[in-house]
Amino acid sequence: MSQHYKSTISAAAIRPYKNIWPELMHGAYVDSSAQIIGNVVLGVDSSVWPMVVIRGDVNKVRIGNRSNIQDGSVIHESRPSNSNPDGHPTLVGEDVTVGHKVVLHGCTIGNRVLVGIGAIVLDGAVIEDDVIIGAGAMVTPGKRLESGFLYTGSPARKSRPLRKEELAYLRIVANNYVELKNDYSSDS
């Protein structure tokens, strides 16, 4: 961890598991009340907000560039097993917005995805690029969400195609969080 990160991130917020430390790429921001543990990589200009827990202990977690994980969210993964030798890592693409109190568990999230407040995405689910998952939706294990659509409900179902302005918004909201984390970083 660079000296800059040590001065702006609480030592308790970032810790190893079995001698594997989280890695933060240039410009990554972690709130001091968040917990980042073990085999986790945070991409360039990504941000992790208050009370988030990202635990990379039984597999790996990767958060892409310019992605943001908002307040109270929990990210974990599934361990390898006899029936699934690789387990399910949690992989989050670039320019992804993970809303407040979201649970991501052993899933793959593409690029330019918005996961709405309180949504749950479970083991083996694959979210393609350019998707919005509505607030409170539950994506069941192994489900694939097709690019270019809004998904809502529990279990999540395809609601409608995304409009051009919604597709543009996916990148805008990610950029807004890069600016916000820069503001927070400059206050440290």
C-alpha atoms as a PDB file:
ATOM      1  CA  MET A   1       0.000   0.000   0.000  1.00  0.00           C
ATOM      2  CA  SER A   2       1.460   3.395  -0.927  1.00  0.00           C
ATOM      3  CA  GLN A   3       2.132   6.035   1.720  1.00  0.00           C
ATOM      4  CA  HIS A   4      -0.791   8.130   0.413  1.00  0.00           C
ATOM      5  CA  TYR A   5      -3.252   5.335   1.088  1.00  0.00           C
ATOM      6  CA  LYS A   6      -1.877   4.752   4.567  1.00  0.00           C
ATOM      7  CA  SER A   7      -2.562   8.371   5.408  1.00  0.00           C
ATOM      8  CA  THR A   8      -6.141   8.395   4.073  1.00  0.00           C
ATOM      9  CA  ILE A   9      -7.374   4.897   4.994  1.00  0.00           C
ATOM     10  CA  SER A  10      -7.738   3.552   8.503  1.00  0.00           C
ATOM     11  CA  ALA A  11      -5.417   0.628   9.165  1.00  0.00           C
ATOM     12  CA  ALA A  12      -8.410  -1.327  10.489  1.00  0.00           C
ATOM     13  CA  ALA A  13     -10.235  -0.905   7.174  1.00  0.00           C
ATOM     14  CA  ILE A  14      -7.762  -2.966   5.163  1.00  0.00           C
ATOM     15  CA  ARG A  15      -6.354  -6.222   6.450  1.00  0.00           C
ATOM     16  CA  PRO A  16      -4.970  -9.537   5.262  1.00  0.00           C
ATOM     17  CA  TYR A  17      -6.415 -13.004   5.360  1.00  0.00           C
ATOM     18  CA  LYS A  18      -3.787 -15.775   5.453  1.00  0.00           C
ATOM     19  CA  ASN A  19      -1.117 -13.199   4.556  1.00  0.00           C
ATOM     20  CA  ILE A  20      -2.963 -12.058   1.409  1.00  0.00           C
ATOM     21  CA  TRP A  21      -3.475  -8.304   1.496  1.00  0.00           C
ATOM     22  CA  PRO A  22      -6.038  -6.365  -0.535  1.00  0.00           C
ATOM     23  CA  GLU A  23      -4.559  -4.396  -3.431  1.00  0.00           C
ATOM     24  CA  LEU A  24      -5.612  -0.855  -4.248  1.00  0.00           C
ATOM     25  CA  MET A  25      -4.795   0.537  -7.661  1.00  0.00           C
ATOM     26  CA  HIS A  26      -4.003   4.215  -8.220  1.00  0.00           C
ATOM     27  CA  GLY A  27      -6.708   6.574  -6.978  1.00  0.00           C
ATOM     28  CA  ALA A  28      -8.815   3.920  -5.204  1.00  0.00           C
ATOM     29  CA  TYR A  29     -10.714   5.295  -2.212  1.00  0.00           C
ATOM     30  CA  VAL A  30     -11.855   3.331   0.856  1.00  0.00           C
ATOM     31  CA  ASP A  31     -13.862   4.935   3.644  1.00  0.00           C
ATOM     32  CA  SER A  32     -12.336   4.334   7.078  1.00  0.00           C
ATOM     33  CA  SER A  33     -15.481   2.519   8.273  1.00  0.00           C
ATOM     34  CA  ALA A  34     -15.355  -0.042   5.440  1.00  0.00           C
ATOM     35  CA  GLN A  35     -13.693  -3.449   5.835  1.00  0.00           C
ATOM     36  CA  ILE A  36     -11.616  -4.824   2.945  1.00  0.00           C
ATOM     37  CA  ILE A  37     -10.171  -8.238   3.767  1.00  0.00           C
ATOM     38  CA  GLY A  38      -7.896 -10.654   1.918  1.00  0.00           C
ATOM     39  CA  ASN A  39      -7.830 -11.443  -1.798  1.00  0.00           C
ATOM     40  CA  VAL A  40      -9.467  -8.243  -3.069  1.00  0.00           C
ATOM     41  CA  VAL A  41      -8.304  -5.910  -5.833  1.00  0.00           C
ATOM     42  CA  LEU A  42      -9.829  -2.436  -6.182  1.00  0.00           C
ATOM     43  CA  GLY A  43      -9.325  -0.898  -9.640  1.00  0.00           C
ATOM     44  CA  VAL A  44      -8.107   2.540 -10.604  1.00  0.00           C
ATOM     45  CA  ASP A  45     -10.370   5.340  -9.300  1.00  0.00           C
ATOM     46  CA  SER A  46     -12.769   2.847  -7.692  1.00  0.00           C
ATOM     47  CA  SER A  47     -14.484   3.742  -4.425  1.00  0.00           C
ATOM     48  CA  VAL A  48     -15.772   1.885  -1.375  1.00  0.00           C
ATOM     49  CA  TRP A  49     -18.115   3.830   0.894  1.00  0.00           C
ATOM     50  CA  PRO A  50     -19.076   3.728   4.602  1.00  0.00           C
ATOM     51  CA  MET A  51     -19.910   0.399   6.261  1.00  0.00           C
ATOM     52  CA  VAL A  52     -19.115  -1.741   3.201  1.00  0.00           C
ATOM     53  CA  VAL A  53     -17.642  -5.196   3.794  1.00  0.00           C
ATOM     54  CA  ILE A  54     -15.646  -6.891   1.020  1.00  0.00           C
ATOM     55  CA  ARG A  55     -14.300 -10.217   2.220  1.00  0.00           C
ATOM     56  CA  GLY A  56     -11.930 -12.119  -0.060  1.00  0.00           C
ATOM     57  CA  ASP A  57     -11.249 -15.155   2.073  1.00  0.00           C
ATOM     58  CA  VAL A  58     -12.578 -18.300   0.329  1.00  0.00           C
ATOM     59  CA  ASN A  59     -12.046 -17.045  -3.224  1.00  0.00           C
ATOM     60  CA  LYS A  60     -11.228 -13.697  -4.858  1.00  0.00           C
ATOM     61  CA  VAL A  61     -12.989 -10.366  -5.383  1.00  0.00           C
ATOM     62  CA  ARG A  62     -12.091  -7.990  -8.204  1.00  0.00           C
ATOM     63  CA  ILE A  63     -13.596  -4.508  -8.527  1.00  0.00           C
ATOM     64  CA  GLY A  64     -12.984  -2.764 -11.863  1.00  0.00           C
ATOM     65  CA  ASN A  65     -11.800   0.733 -12.670  1.00  0.00           C
ATOM     66  CA  ARG A  66     -14.124   3.619 -11.784  1.00  0.00           C
ATOM     67  CA  SER A  67     -16.621   1.311 -10.055  1.00  0.00           C
ATOM     68  CA  ASN A  68     -18.241   2.294  -6.769  1.00  0.00           C
ATOM     69  CA  ILE A  69     -19.571   0.181  -3.918  1.00  0.00           C
ATOM     70  CA  GLN A  70     -22.005   2.233  -1.868  1.00  0.00           C
ATOM     71  CA  ASP A  71     -22.847   2.358   1.825  1.00  0.00           C
ATOM     72  CA  GLY A  72     -23.705  -0.842   3.676  1.00  0.00           C
ATOM     73  CA  SER A  73     -23.084  -3.237   0.789  1.00  0.00           C
ATOM     74  CA  VAL A  74     -21.608  -6.704   1.327  1.00  0.00           C
ATOM     75  CA  ILE A  75     -19.453  -8.546  -1.205  1.00  0.00           C
ATOM     76  CA  HIS A  76     -18.326 -12.138  -0.725  1.00  0.00           C
ATOM     77  CA  GLU A  77     -17.694 -15.183  -2.907  1.00  0.00           C
ATOM     78  CA  SER A  78     -18.126 -18.967  -2.906  1.00  0.00           C
ATOM     79  CA  ARG A  79     -15.399 -21.422  -2.068  1.00  0.00           C
ATOM     80  CA  PRO A  80     -14.273 -24.195  -4.394  1.00  0.00           C
ATOM     81  CA  SER A  81     -15.990 -27.545  -3.850  1.00  0.00           C
ATOM     82  CA  ASN A  82     -16.097 -31.022  -5.380  1.00  0.00           C
ATOM     83  CA  SER A  83     -19.057 -30.008  -7.526  1.00  0.00           C
ATOM     84  CA  ASN A  84     -17.544 -26.617  -8.447  1.00  0.00           C
ATOM     85  CA  PRO A  85     -13.721 -26.842  -8.311  1.00  0.00           C
ATOM     86  CA  ASP A  86     -13.225 -23.116  -9.038  1.00  0.00           C
ATOM     87  CA  GLY A  87     -15.962 -21.905  -6.713  1.00  0.00           C
ATOM     88  CA  HIS A  88     -17.468 -18.557  -7.650  1.00  0.00           C
ATOM     89  CA  PRO A  89     -15.270 -15.468  -7.348  1.00  0.00           C
ATOM     90  CA  THR A  90     -17.010 -12.107  -7.361  1.00  0.00           C
ATOM     91  CA  LEU A  91     -15.938 -10.090 -10.387  1.00  0.00           C
ATOM     92  CA  VAL A  92     -17.198  -6.533 -10.897  1.00  0.00           C
ATOM     93  CA  GLY A  93     -16.434  -4.787 -14.194  1.00  0.00           C
ATOM     94  CA  GLU A  94     -15.616  -1.172 -14.986  1.00  0.00           C
ATOM     95  CA  ASP A  95     -17.930   1.823 -14.498  1.00  0.00           C
ATOM     96  CA  VAL A  96     -20.246  -0.198 -12.250  1.00  0.00           C
ATOM     97  CA  THR A  97     -22.436   1.418  -9.616  1.00  0.00           C
ATOM     98  CA  VAL A  98     -23.412  -0.846  -6.728  1.00  0.00           C
ATOM     99  CA  GLY A  99     -26.148   0.932  -4.768  1.00  0.00           C
ATOM    100  CA  HIS A 100     -26.656   1.121  -1.013  1.00  0.00           C
ATOM    101  CA  LYS A 101     -27.121  -2.143   0.935  1.00  0.00           C
ATOM    102  CA  VAL A 102     -26.530  -4.441  -2.045  1.00  0.00           C
ATOM    103  CA  VAL A 103     -25.336  -8.036  -1.600  1.00  0.00           C
ATOM    104  CA  LEU A 104     -23.075  -9.517  -4.283  1.00  0.00           C
ATOM    105  CA  HIS A 105     -22.146 -13.155  -3.682  1.00  0.00           C
ATOM    106  CA  GLY A 106     -20.057 -15.233  -6.078  1.00  0.00           C
ATOM    107  CA  CYS A 107     -21.299 -13.454  -9.194  1.00  0.00           C
ATOM    108  CA  THR A 108     -19.933 -11.728 -12.284  1.00  0.00           C
ATOM    109  CA  ILE A 109     -21.006  -8.171 -13.064  1.00  0.00           C
ATOM    110  CA  GLY A 110     -20.139  -6.756 -16.499  1.00  0.00           C
ATOM    111  CA  ASN A 111     -19.213  -3.183 -17.418  1.00  0.00           C
ATOM    112  CA  ARG A 112     -21.539  -0.188 -17.092  1.00  0.00           C
ATOM    113  CA  VAL A 113     -24.021  -1.886 -14.768  1.00  0.00           C
ATOM    114  CA  LEU A 114     -26.154  -0.231 -12.106  1.00  0.00           C
ATOM    115  CA  VAL A 115     -27.184  -2.525  -9.242  1.00  0.00           C
ATOM    116  CA  GLY A 116     -30.085  -0.805  -7.483  1.00  0.00           C
ATOM    117  CA  ILE A 117     -30.457  -0.197  -3.764  1.00  0.00           C
ATOM    118  CA  GLY A 118     -30.983  -3.368  -1.746  1.00  0.00           C
ATOM    119  CA  ALA A 119     -30.567  -5.768  -4.684  1.00  0.00           C
ATOM    120  CA  ILE A 120     -29.125  -9.256  -4.163  1.00  0.00           C
ATOM    121  CA  VAL A 121     -27.072 -11.078  -6.812  1.00  0.00           C
ATOM    122  CA  LEU A 122     -26.256 -14.702  -5.981  1.00  0.00           C
ATOM    123  CA  ASP A 123     -23.735 -17.427  -6.857  1.00  0.00           C
ATOM    124  CA  GLY A 124     -22.962 -18.063 -10.499  1.00  0.00           C
ATOM    125  CA  ALA A 125     -25.161 -15.224 -11.766  1.00  0.00           C
ATOM    126  CA  VAL A 126     -23.726 -13.372 -14.756  1.00  0.00           C
ATOM    127  CA  ILE A 127     -24.766  -9.809 -15.463  1.00  0.00           C
ATOM    128  CA  GLU A 128     -23.771  -8.761 -18.965  1.00  0.00           C
ATOM    129  CA  ASP A 129     -22.633  -5.218 -19.859  1.00  0.00           C
ATOM    130  CA  ASP A 130     -25.094  -2.295 -19.887  1.00  0.00           C
ATOM    131  CA  VAL A 131     -27.737  -3.585 -17.468  1.00  0.00           C
ATOM    132  CA  ILE A 132     -29.793  -1.938 -14.729  1.00  0.00           C
ATOM    133  CA  ILE A 133     -30.938  -4.128 -11.851  1.00  0.00           C
ATOM    134  CA  GLY A 134     -33.825  -2.429 -10.078  1.00  0.00           C
ATOM    135  CA  ALA A 135     -33.901  -1.655  -6.370  1.00  0.00           C
ATOM    136  CA  GLY A 136     -34.750  -4.681  -4.256  1.00  0.00           C
ATOM    137  CA  ALA A 137     -34.374  -7.188  -7.108  1.00  0.00           C
ATOM    138  CA  MET A 138     -32.995 -10.661  -6.439  1.00  0.00           C
ATOM    139  CA  VAL A 139     -30.926 -12.336  -9.130  1.00  0.00           C
ATOM    140  CA  THR A 140     -31.090 -16.067  -8.426  1.00  0.00           C
ATOM    141  CA  PRO A 141     -28.104 -18.438  -8.641  1.00  0.00           C
ATOM    142  CA  GLY A 142     -26.830 -19.136 -12.144  1.00  0.00           C
ATOM    143  CA  LYS A 143     -29.109 -16.617 -13.876  1.00  0.00           C
ATOM    144  CA  ARG A 144     -27.765 -14.594 -16.819  1.00  0.00           C
ATOM    145  CA  LEU A 145     -29.054 -11.046 -17.368  1.00  0.00           C
ATOM    146  CA  GLU A 146     -28.862  -9.990 -21.009  1.00  0.00           C
ATOM    147  CA  SER A 147     -27.195  -6.732 -22.012  1.00  0.00           C
ATOM    148  CA  GLY A 148     -29.345  -3.682 -22.657  1.00  0.00           C
ATOM    149  CA  PHE A 149     -32.268  -4.364 -20.300  1.00  0.00           C
ATOM    150  CA  LEU A 150     -33.786  -3.334 -16.974  1.00  0.00           C
ATOM    151  CA  TYR A 151     -34.445  -6.232 -14.583  1.00  0.00           C
ATOM    152  CA  THR A 152     -36.807  -5.927 -11.616  1.00  0.00           C
ATOM    153  CA  GLY A 153     -38.515  -8.094  -9.023  1.00  0.00           C
ATOM    154  CA  SER A 154     -37.740 -11.122  -6.910  1.00  0.00           C
ATOM    155  CA  PRO A 155     -36.745 -13.216  -8.698  1.00  0.00           C
ATOM    156  CA  ALA A 156     -35.430 -10.654 -11.178  1.00  0.00           C
ATOM    157  CA  ARG A 157     -37.133 -10.639 -14.557  1.00  0.00           C
ATOM    158  CA  LYS A 158     -36.505  -8.689 -17.742  1.00  0.00           C
ATOM    159  CA  SER A 159     -38.752  -5.609 -17.585  1.00  0.00           C
ATOM    160  CA  ARG A 160     -37.900  -3.635 -20.715  1.00  0.00           C
ATOM    161  CA  PRO A 161     -35.073  -2.468 -22.971  1.00  0.00           C
ATOM    162  CA  LEU A 162     -32.965   0.389 -21.642  1.00  0.00           C
ATOM    163  CA  ARG A 163     -33.481   3.771 -23.284  1.00  0.00           C
ATOM    164  CA  LYS A 164     -30.569   5.618 -24.873  1.00  0.00           C
ATOM    165  CA  GLU A 165     -30.440   8.139 -22.003  1.00  0.00           C
ATOM    166  CA  GLU A 166     -30.363   5.309 -19.433  1.00  0.00           C
ATOM    167  CA  LEU A 167     -27.442   3.685 -21.220  1.00  0.00           C
ATOM    168  CA  ALA A 168     -25.584   7.023 -21.147  1.00  0.00           C
ATOM    169  CA  TYR A 169     -26.448   7.452 -17.452  1.00  0.00           C
ATOM    170  CA  LEU A 170     -24.572   4.262 -16.526  1.00  0.00           C
ATOM    171  CA  ARG A 171     -21.255   5.912 -17.349  1.00  0.00           C
ATOM    172  CA  ILE A 172     -22.336   9.309 -15.958  1.00  0.00           C
ATOM    173  CA  VAL A 173     -23.158   7.943 -12.494  1.00  0.00           C
ATOM    174  CA  ALA A 174     -19.830   6.068 -12.366  1.00  0.00           C
ATOM    175  CA  ASN A 175     -17.991   9.288 -13.274  1.00  0.00           C
ATOM    176  CA  ASN A 176     -19.973  11.194 -10.628  1.00  0.00           C
ATOM    177  CA  TYR A 177     -18.632   8.783  -8.007  1.00  0.00           C
ATOM    178  CA  VAL A 178     -15.065   9.256  -9.240  1.00  0.00           C
ATOM    179  CA  GLU A 179     -15.524  12.991  -8.678  1.00  0.00           C
ATOM    180  CA  LEU A 180     -17.110  12.407  -5.261  1.00  0.00           C
ATOM    181  CA  LYS A 181     -14.286  10.141  -4.059  1.00  0.00           C
ATOM    182  CA  ASN A 182     -11.807  12.776  -5.273  1.00  0.00           C
ATOM    183  CA  ASP A 183     -13.588  15.330  -3.078  1.00  0.00           C
ATOM    184  CA  TYR A 184     -13.422  12.986  -0.096  1.00  0.00           C
ATOM    185  CA  SER A 185      -9.749  12.185  -0.765  1.00  0.00           C
ATOM    186  CA  SER A 186      -8.798  15.855  -0.893  1.00  0.00           C
ATOM    187  CA  ASP A 187     -10.468  16.415   2.496  1.00  0.00           C
ATOM    188  CA  SER A 188      -8.207  13.820   4.149  1.00  0.00           C
END
